[in-house]
N, C-alpha and C. Protein backbone atom coordinates (compact mmCIF):
# COMPACT_ATOMS: atom_id res chain seq x y z
N MET A 1 75.78 36.44 -5.67
CA MET A 1 75.48 36.90 -4.34
C MET A 1 74.37 37.95 -4.43
N VAL A 2 73.61 38.07 -3.39
CA VAL A 2 72.54 39.05 -3.36
C VAL A 2 72.88 40.12 -2.34
N ARG A 3 72.76 41.35 -2.75
CA ARG A 3 73.03 42.47 -1.86
C ARG A 3 71.72 43.22 -1.66
N SER A 4 71.44 43.60 -0.42
CA SER A 4 70.22 44.36 -0.17
C SER A 4 70.59 45.69 0.46
N ASP A 5 69.99 46.75 -0.02
CA ASP A 5 70.20 48.10 0.51
C ASP A 5 68.84 48.69 0.85
N VAL A 6 68.80 49.47 1.90
CA VAL A 6 67.59 50.18 2.26
C VAL A 6 67.81 51.65 1.93
N ILE A 7 67.03 52.16 1.02
CA ILE A 7 67.10 53.58 0.65
C ILE A 7 65.75 54.19 1.00
N GLY A 8 65.75 55.04 2.00
CA GLY A 8 64.49 55.58 2.49
C GLY A 8 63.68 54.45 3.10
N GLU A 9 62.49 54.22 2.60
CA GLU A 9 61.67 53.12 3.07
C GLU A 9 61.66 51.97 2.08
N ASP A 10 62.41 52.07 1.00
CA ASP A 10 62.41 51.05 -0.04
C ASP A 10 63.57 50.09 0.16
N LEU A 11 63.29 48.82 0.02
CA LEU A 11 64.31 47.78 0.07
C LEU A 11 64.68 47.45 -1.37
N ILE A 12 65.95 47.59 -1.69
CA ILE A 12 66.41 47.33 -3.06
C ILE A 12 67.29 46.09 -3.04
N LEU A 13 66.93 45.10 -3.84
CA LEU A 13 67.72 43.88 -3.98
C LEU A 13 68.39 43.92 -5.34
N GLU A 14 69.67 43.61 -5.36
CA GLU A 14 70.38 43.56 -6.63
C GLU A 14 71.36 42.41 -6.60
N LEU A 15 71.60 41.84 -7.76
CA LEU A 15 72.59 40.79 -7.87
C LEU A 15 73.95 41.44 -8.05
N GLN A 16 74.85 41.08 -7.17
CA GLN A 16 76.17 41.69 -7.24
C GLN A 16 77.21 40.63 -6.88
N ARG A 17 78.26 40.59 -7.65
CA ARG A 17 79.35 39.66 -7.36
C ARG A 17 80.32 40.33 -6.40
N PRO A 18 80.76 39.60 -5.36
CA PRO A 18 81.71 40.18 -4.41
C PRO A 18 83.14 40.07 -4.92
N ASP A 19 84.04 40.67 -4.19
CA ASP A 19 85.47 40.52 -4.47
C ASP A 19 85.93 39.22 -3.83
N LEU A 20 86.75 38.49 -4.55
CA LEU A 20 87.34 37.26 -4.05
C LEU A 20 88.67 37.61 -3.40
N ILE A 21 88.85 37.19 -2.15
CA ILE A 21 90.10 37.48 -1.44
C ILE A 21 91.08 36.35 -1.75
N PRO A 22 92.22 36.66 -2.39
CA PRO A 22 93.17 35.61 -2.78
C PRO A 22 93.82 34.96 -1.55
N GLY A 23 94.10 33.67 -1.69
CA GLY A 23 94.81 32.94 -0.64
C GLY A 23 93.91 32.35 0.43
N ILE A 24 92.64 32.64 0.43
CA ILE A 24 91.71 32.09 1.42
C ILE A 24 90.86 31.03 0.71
N PRO A 25 90.74 29.83 1.31
CA PRO A 25 89.97 28.77 0.64
C PRO A 25 88.50 29.15 0.50
N VAL A 26 87.94 28.86 -0.66
CA VAL A 26 86.55 29.20 -0.94
C VAL A 26 85.60 28.21 -0.27
N TYR A 27 85.97 26.93 -0.23
CA TYR A 27 85.14 25.89 0.38
C TYR A 27 85.79 25.39 1.66
N LEU A 28 84.97 25.08 2.65
CA LEU A 28 85.44 24.51 3.91
C LEU A 28 84.71 23.20 4.18
N ASN A 29 85.44 22.19 4.65
CA ASN A 29 84.80 20.96 5.09
C ASN A 29 84.23 21.21 6.48
N ASP A 30 82.95 20.90 6.67
CA ASP A 30 82.28 21.16 7.93
C ASP A 30 81.24 20.06 8.14
N SER A 31 81.49 19.16 9.06
CA SER A 31 80.59 18.03 9.28
C SER A 31 79.27 18.44 9.94
N THR A 32 79.14 19.69 10.37
CA THR A 32 77.91 20.12 11.04
C THR A 32 76.86 20.67 10.07
N VAL A 33 77.20 20.80 8.80
CA VAL A 33 76.25 21.34 7.82
C VAL A 33 75.89 20.27 6.80
N ALA A 34 74.79 20.48 6.10
CA ALA A 34 74.32 19.54 5.09
C ALA A 34 75.37 19.34 4.01
N GLY A 35 75.62 18.11 3.67
CA GLY A 35 76.59 17.80 2.62
C GLY A 35 78.03 17.80 3.08
N GLY A 36 78.29 18.25 4.33
CA GLY A 36 79.64 18.25 4.87
C GLY A 36 80.57 19.29 4.29
N ARG A 37 80.02 20.25 3.58
CA ARG A 37 80.83 21.29 2.95
C ARG A 37 80.05 22.59 2.90
N ARG A 38 80.75 23.71 3.07
CA ARG A 38 80.10 25.01 2.97
C ARG A 38 81.05 25.99 2.30
N ILE A 39 80.50 27.12 1.86
CA ILE A 39 81.31 28.16 1.25
C ILE A 39 81.81 29.07 2.37
N ASN A 40 83.08 29.42 2.30
CA ASN A 40 83.74 30.22 3.33
C ASN A 40 83.42 31.71 3.15
N ARG A 41 82.70 32.28 4.12
CA ARG A 41 82.34 33.70 4.06
C ARG A 41 83.58 34.59 4.06
N ALA A 42 84.65 34.15 4.74
CA ALA A 42 85.87 34.96 4.85
C ALA A 42 86.61 35.10 3.52
N ALA A 43 86.23 34.31 2.52
CA ALA A 43 86.90 34.38 1.21
C ALA A 43 86.35 35.49 0.33
N PHE A 44 85.34 36.23 0.82
CA PHE A 44 84.70 37.26 0.01
C PHE A 44 84.59 38.57 0.78
N SER A 45 84.57 39.64 0.04
CA SER A 45 84.29 40.95 0.63
C SER A 45 83.43 41.74 -0.34
N GLU A 46 82.60 42.62 0.21
CA GLU A 46 81.76 43.45 -0.64
C GLU A 46 82.61 44.55 -1.25
N PRO A 47 82.43 44.82 -2.53
CA PRO A 47 83.19 45.91 -3.16
C PRO A 47 82.87 47.25 -2.48
N ALA A 48 83.89 48.09 -2.35
CA ALA A 48 83.73 49.38 -1.67
C ALA A 48 82.78 50.31 -2.42
N GLN A 49 82.77 50.23 -3.72
CA GLN A 49 81.89 51.08 -4.51
C GLN A 49 80.91 50.21 -5.29
N LEU A 50 79.91 50.79 -5.86
CA LEU A 50 78.92 50.02 -6.62
C LEU A 50 79.51 49.55 -7.93
N ARG A 51 80.02 48.35 -7.91
CA ARG A 51 80.59 47.72 -9.09
C ARG A 51 80.53 46.22 -8.90
N GLN A 52 80.71 45.49 -9.97
CA GLN A 52 80.78 44.04 -9.87
C GLN A 52 82.17 43.67 -9.34
N GLY A 53 82.21 42.69 -8.42
CA GLY A 53 83.47 42.28 -7.82
C GLY A 53 84.29 41.38 -8.73
N THR A 54 85.36 40.86 -8.18
CA THR A 54 86.31 40.06 -8.95
C THR A 54 85.93 38.58 -9.06
N LEU A 55 84.91 38.15 -8.32
CA LEU A 55 84.46 36.76 -8.43
C LEU A 55 83.78 36.58 -9.77
N GLY A 56 84.19 35.56 -10.50
CA GLY A 56 83.61 35.31 -11.82
C GLY A 56 82.15 34.92 -11.75
N TYR A 57 81.45 35.12 -12.85
CA TYR A 57 80.04 34.75 -12.95
C TYR A 57 79.91 33.24 -12.91
N ASN A 58 79.03 32.70 -12.08
CA ASN A 58 78.83 31.26 -11.90
C ASN A 58 80.12 30.52 -11.52
N ALA A 59 80.96 31.16 -10.73
CA ALA A 59 82.25 30.57 -10.35
C ALA A 59 82.11 29.54 -9.23
N LEU A 60 81.08 29.64 -8.42
CA LEU A 60 80.90 28.72 -7.30
C LEU A 60 79.92 27.62 -7.68
N ARG A 61 80.14 26.44 -7.14
CA ARG A 61 79.30 25.29 -7.45
C ARG A 61 78.66 24.76 -6.18
N GLY A 62 77.43 24.27 -6.34
CA GLY A 62 76.73 23.62 -5.24
C GLY A 62 77.12 22.15 -5.20
N PHE A 63 76.19 21.33 -4.82
CA PHE A 63 76.44 19.90 -4.68
C PHE A 63 76.04 19.15 -5.95
N GLY A 64 76.69 18.04 -6.17
CA GLY A 64 76.30 17.18 -7.28
C GLY A 64 75.00 16.46 -6.95
N MET A 65 74.43 15.80 -7.93
CA MET A 65 73.18 15.08 -7.74
C MET A 65 73.38 13.64 -8.16
N SER A 66 72.91 12.73 -7.33
CA SER A 66 73.04 11.32 -7.63
C SER A 66 71.75 10.62 -7.25
N GLN A 67 71.20 9.88 -8.21
CA GLN A 67 69.93 9.21 -7.95
C GLN A 67 69.82 8.01 -8.88
N LEU A 68 69.37 6.88 -8.35
CA LEU A 68 69.14 5.68 -9.16
C LEU A 68 67.66 5.35 -9.12
N ASP A 69 67.03 5.28 -10.29
CA ASP A 69 65.62 4.94 -10.40
C ASP A 69 65.51 3.54 -10.98
N LEU A 70 64.46 2.81 -10.60
CA LEU A 70 64.28 1.43 -11.06
C LEU A 70 62.81 1.21 -11.39
N ALA A 71 62.55 0.53 -12.49
CA ALA A 71 61.19 0.18 -12.87
C ALA A 71 61.15 -1.31 -13.21
N LEU A 72 60.15 -1.99 -12.69
CA LEU A 72 59.94 -3.41 -12.96
C LEU A 72 58.52 -3.59 -13.48
N ARG A 73 58.37 -4.48 -14.46
CA ARG A 73 57.05 -4.73 -15.03
C ARG A 73 56.90 -6.21 -15.31
N ARG A 74 55.73 -6.73 -15.01
CA ARG A 74 55.45 -8.15 -15.30
C ARG A 74 54.06 -8.24 -15.88
N GLN A 75 53.95 -8.95 -17.00
CA GLN A 75 52.65 -9.10 -17.66
C GLN A 75 52.25 -10.56 -17.68
N PHE A 76 50.98 -10.82 -17.34
CA PHE A 76 50.43 -12.17 -17.34
C PHE A 76 49.33 -12.25 -18.39
N VAL A 77 49.39 -13.29 -19.20
CA VAL A 77 48.34 -13.53 -20.19
C VAL A 77 47.31 -14.45 -19.54
N LEU A 78 46.12 -13.91 -19.30
CA LEU A 78 45.07 -14.68 -18.64
C LEU A 78 44.22 -15.45 -19.63
N SER A 79 44.00 -14.88 -20.78
CA SER A 79 43.29 -15.55 -21.88
C SER A 79 43.76 -14.90 -23.18
N GLU A 80 43.15 -15.29 -24.28
CA GLU A 80 43.57 -14.76 -25.57
C GLU A 80 43.39 -13.24 -25.66
N GLN A 81 42.38 -12.70 -24.98
CA GLN A 81 42.11 -11.27 -25.06
C GLN A 81 42.20 -10.56 -23.71
N LEU A 82 42.73 -11.21 -22.73
CA LEU A 82 42.79 -10.62 -21.39
C LEU A 82 44.22 -10.71 -20.84
N ARG A 83 44.76 -9.57 -20.47
CA ARG A 83 46.12 -9.51 -19.92
C ARG A 83 46.10 -8.68 -18.64
N LEU A 84 46.95 -9.09 -17.71
CA LEU A 84 47.09 -8.37 -16.44
C LEU A 84 48.55 -7.95 -16.30
N GLN A 85 48.78 -6.68 -16.01
CA GLN A 85 50.15 -6.15 -15.91
C GLN A 85 50.35 -5.53 -14.53
N PHE A 86 51.46 -5.90 -13.89
CA PHE A 86 51.88 -5.29 -12.63
C PHE A 86 53.12 -4.44 -12.91
N LYS A 87 53.19 -3.27 -12.30
CA LYS A 87 54.31 -2.38 -12.54
C LYS A 87 54.71 -1.71 -11.22
N ALA A 88 56.01 -1.67 -10.97
CA ALA A 88 56.54 -0.98 -9.78
C ALA A 88 57.66 -0.05 -10.24
N GLU A 89 57.61 1.20 -9.79
CA GLU A 89 58.65 2.18 -10.09
C GLU A 89 59.16 2.74 -8.78
N ILE A 90 60.48 2.73 -8.64
CA ILE A 90 61.11 3.24 -7.42
C ILE A 90 62.05 4.36 -7.84
N PHE A 91 61.82 5.54 -7.27
CA PHE A 91 62.64 6.71 -7.58
C PHE A 91 63.57 6.98 -6.39
N ASN A 92 64.86 7.23 -6.68
CA ASN A 92 65.90 7.37 -5.66
C ASN A 92 65.96 6.11 -4.80
N LEU A 93 66.23 5.01 -5.46
CA LEU A 93 66.22 3.68 -4.86
C LEU A 93 67.00 3.59 -3.55
N PHE A 94 68.19 4.17 -3.50
CA PHE A 94 69.03 4.08 -2.31
C PHE A 94 68.81 5.25 -1.35
N ASN A 95 67.81 6.08 -1.63
CA ASN A 95 67.46 7.23 -0.78
C ASN A 95 68.67 8.12 -0.51
N HIS A 96 69.44 8.36 -1.55
CA HIS A 96 70.65 9.19 -1.44
C HIS A 96 70.25 10.65 -1.22
N PRO A 97 70.80 11.32 -0.20
CA PRO A 97 70.44 12.73 0.02
C PRO A 97 71.06 13.63 -1.04
N ASN A 98 70.25 14.50 -1.60
CA ASN A 98 70.70 15.47 -2.60
C ASN A 98 70.34 16.85 -2.09
N PHE A 99 71.35 17.69 -1.91
CA PHE A 99 71.14 19.01 -1.31
C PHE A 99 71.04 20.09 -2.36
N GLY A 100 70.21 21.10 -2.07
CA GLY A 100 70.03 22.23 -2.96
C GLY A 100 71.23 23.17 -2.91
N ASN A 101 71.20 24.20 -3.73
CA ASN A 101 72.29 25.17 -3.76
C ASN A 101 72.42 25.91 -2.43
N PRO A 102 73.64 26.26 -2.06
CA PRO A 102 73.85 27.01 -0.81
C PRO A 102 73.23 28.41 -0.87
N VAL A 103 72.94 28.96 0.30
CA VAL A 103 72.41 30.32 0.40
C VAL A 103 73.46 31.28 -0.14
N ASN A 104 73.05 32.22 -1.01
CA ASN A 104 74.02 33.08 -1.66
C ASN A 104 73.94 34.54 -1.22
N THR A 105 73.27 34.82 -0.12
CA THR A 105 73.20 36.18 0.40
C THR A 105 74.32 36.36 1.42
N LEU A 106 75.30 37.19 1.11
CA LEU A 106 76.50 37.35 1.93
C LEU A 106 76.19 37.77 3.36
N SER A 107 75.13 38.54 3.56
CA SER A 107 74.79 39.00 4.90
C SER A 107 73.96 38.00 5.70
N SER A 108 73.57 36.88 5.10
CA SER A 108 72.76 35.88 5.78
C SER A 108 73.60 35.07 6.77
N SER A 109 73.00 34.68 7.88
CA SER A 109 73.72 33.86 8.87
C SER A 109 73.96 32.45 8.35
N SER A 110 73.20 32.00 7.37
CA SER A 110 73.41 30.67 6.80
C SER A 110 74.09 30.73 5.43
N PHE A 111 74.83 31.82 5.16
CA PHE A 111 75.54 31.96 3.89
C PHE A 111 76.45 30.76 3.66
N GLY A 112 76.43 30.25 2.45
CA GLY A 112 77.32 29.17 2.05
C GLY A 112 76.86 27.79 2.45
N GLN A 113 75.71 27.67 3.11
CA GLN A 113 75.21 26.38 3.55
C GLN A 113 73.94 26.04 2.78
N SER A 114 73.77 24.77 2.52
CA SER A 114 72.54 24.31 1.90
C SER A 114 71.48 24.19 2.99
N THR A 115 70.33 24.79 2.78
CA THR A 115 69.28 24.77 3.80
C THR A 115 68.08 23.93 3.40
N GLN A 116 68.11 23.34 2.20
CA GLN A 116 67.00 22.51 1.79
C GLN A 116 67.46 21.43 0.83
N MET A 117 66.63 20.43 0.69
CA MET A 117 66.94 19.34 -0.22
C MET A 117 66.72 19.81 -1.67
N LEU A 118 67.36 19.14 -2.61
CA LEU A 118 67.31 19.55 -4.01
C LEU A 118 65.88 19.58 -4.55
N GLY A 119 65.07 18.57 -4.23
CA GLY A 119 63.70 18.52 -4.73
C GLY A 119 62.88 19.73 -4.29
N ARG A 120 63.10 20.20 -3.09
CA ARG A 120 62.37 21.38 -2.58
C ARG A 120 62.93 22.68 -3.17
N SER A 121 64.21 22.69 -3.49
CA SER A 121 64.82 23.93 -3.99
C SER A 121 64.48 24.20 -5.46
N LEU A 122 63.92 23.24 -6.16
CA LEU A 122 63.61 23.40 -7.58
C LEU A 122 62.24 24.00 -7.83
N GLY A 123 61.45 24.18 -6.80
CA GLY A 123 60.11 24.74 -6.96
C GLY A 123 59.14 24.03 -6.05
N SER A 124 58.09 24.72 -5.68
CA SER A 124 57.17 24.14 -4.70
C SER A 124 55.81 23.83 -5.28
N GLY A 125 55.69 23.80 -6.57
CA GLY A 125 54.41 23.49 -7.20
C GLY A 125 53.60 24.74 -7.45
N GLY A 126 52.49 24.57 -8.11
CA GLY A 126 51.64 25.71 -8.40
C GLY A 126 51.88 26.25 -9.79
N ILE A 127 51.29 27.39 -10.08
CA ILE A 127 51.33 27.97 -11.42
C ILE A 127 52.75 28.32 -11.85
N ASN A 128 53.50 29.01 -11.00
CA ASN A 128 54.85 29.46 -11.38
C ASN A 128 55.97 28.71 -10.68
N GLY A 129 55.65 27.74 -9.85
CA GLY A 129 56.67 27.12 -9.02
C GLY A 129 57.18 25.78 -9.46
N GLY A 130 56.82 25.28 -10.62
CA GLY A 130 57.32 23.99 -11.06
C GLY A 130 56.49 22.84 -10.50
N LEU A 131 57.07 21.66 -10.54
CA LEU A 131 56.38 20.47 -10.06
C LEU A 131 56.40 20.40 -8.54
N SER A 132 55.55 19.56 -8.01
CA SER A 132 55.55 19.31 -6.58
C SER A 132 56.90 18.69 -6.20
N PRO A 133 57.46 19.01 -5.02
CA PRO A 133 58.73 18.42 -4.61
C PRO A 133 58.72 16.90 -4.58
N LEU A 134 57.54 16.32 -4.41
CA LEU A 134 57.43 14.86 -4.41
C LEU A 134 57.85 14.27 -5.75
N TYR A 135 57.62 15.00 -6.84
CA TYR A 135 57.91 14.49 -8.18
C TYR A 135 59.19 15.06 -8.78
N GLN A 136 59.90 15.89 -8.05
CA GLN A 136 61.14 16.48 -8.54
C GLN A 136 62.29 15.48 -8.42
N ILE A 137 63.28 15.63 -9.26
CA ILE A 137 64.49 14.85 -9.12
C ILE A 137 65.21 15.31 -7.85
N GLY A 138 65.84 14.39 -7.16
CA GLY A 138 66.58 14.74 -5.95
C GLY A 138 65.77 14.67 -4.69
N GLY A 139 64.56 14.19 -4.75
CA GLY A 139 63.73 14.07 -3.56
C GLY A 139 63.99 12.77 -2.82
N ALA A 140 63.22 12.55 -1.80
CA ALA A 140 63.34 11.31 -1.02
C ALA A 140 62.84 10.13 -1.86
N ARG A 141 63.16 8.92 -1.40
CA ARG A 141 62.72 7.72 -2.12
C ARG A 141 61.20 7.72 -2.21
N SER A 142 60.68 7.38 -3.38
CA SER A 142 59.24 7.22 -3.53
C SER A 142 58.99 6.00 -4.41
N ILE A 143 57.89 5.33 -4.13
CA ILE A 143 57.54 4.10 -4.83
C ILE A 143 56.15 4.26 -5.43
N GLN A 144 56.01 3.81 -6.66
CA GLN A 144 54.73 3.90 -7.36
C GLN A 144 54.37 2.51 -7.85
N LEU A 145 53.18 2.04 -7.53
CA LEU A 145 52.71 0.72 -7.95
C LEU A 145 51.51 0.90 -8.86
N ALA A 146 51.39 0.01 -9.85
CA ALA A 146 50.25 0.10 -10.77
C ALA A 146 49.83 -1.32 -11.19
N VAL A 147 48.54 -1.46 -11.40
CA VAL A 147 47.97 -2.68 -11.95
C VAL A 147 47.15 -2.27 -13.16
N ARG A 148 47.31 -3.01 -14.25
CA ARG A 148 46.60 -2.65 -15.48
C ARG A 148 45.96 -3.92 -16.07
N LEU A 149 44.70 -3.81 -16.36
CA LEU A 149 43.97 -4.93 -16.97
C LEU A 149 43.63 -4.54 -18.40
N GLN A 150 44.14 -5.33 -19.36
CA GLN A 150 43.89 -5.05 -20.78
C GLN A 150 42.91 -6.08 -21.32
N PHE A 151 41.88 -5.59 -21.99
CA PHE A 151 40.92 -6.51 -22.59
C PHE A 151 40.50 -6.02 -23.95
């Protein structure tokens, strides 16, 4: 969880684990949010003093990822030294939705809900941001076609 404090004019962000309230379910089924499941805000409370709470490190889990990729290739021999190859690659063949990790800021109005798809949550491209979301695992279906002439 992320906790933010304002001290003077400075905004201080720190990673802090909250206290887990026993007997309250951590996950709730909710058909109005992405993935049909969210983390229950009522299951947590901020520790009264500056300390790490009772929730274990990496105790909460986001959504699983499921994707089927398919590649087909066909080669034709046109002559002894000339070949033509067709290739099709389909990523996320069934266009299965894969959701990113839920928002982990306890004070956020969207706490516990996934607000973006997995491909977008892994980085947005550029020098420090990873690959483009188009090429990330967990993105929407994409198809790549290629023709290759060998001589």
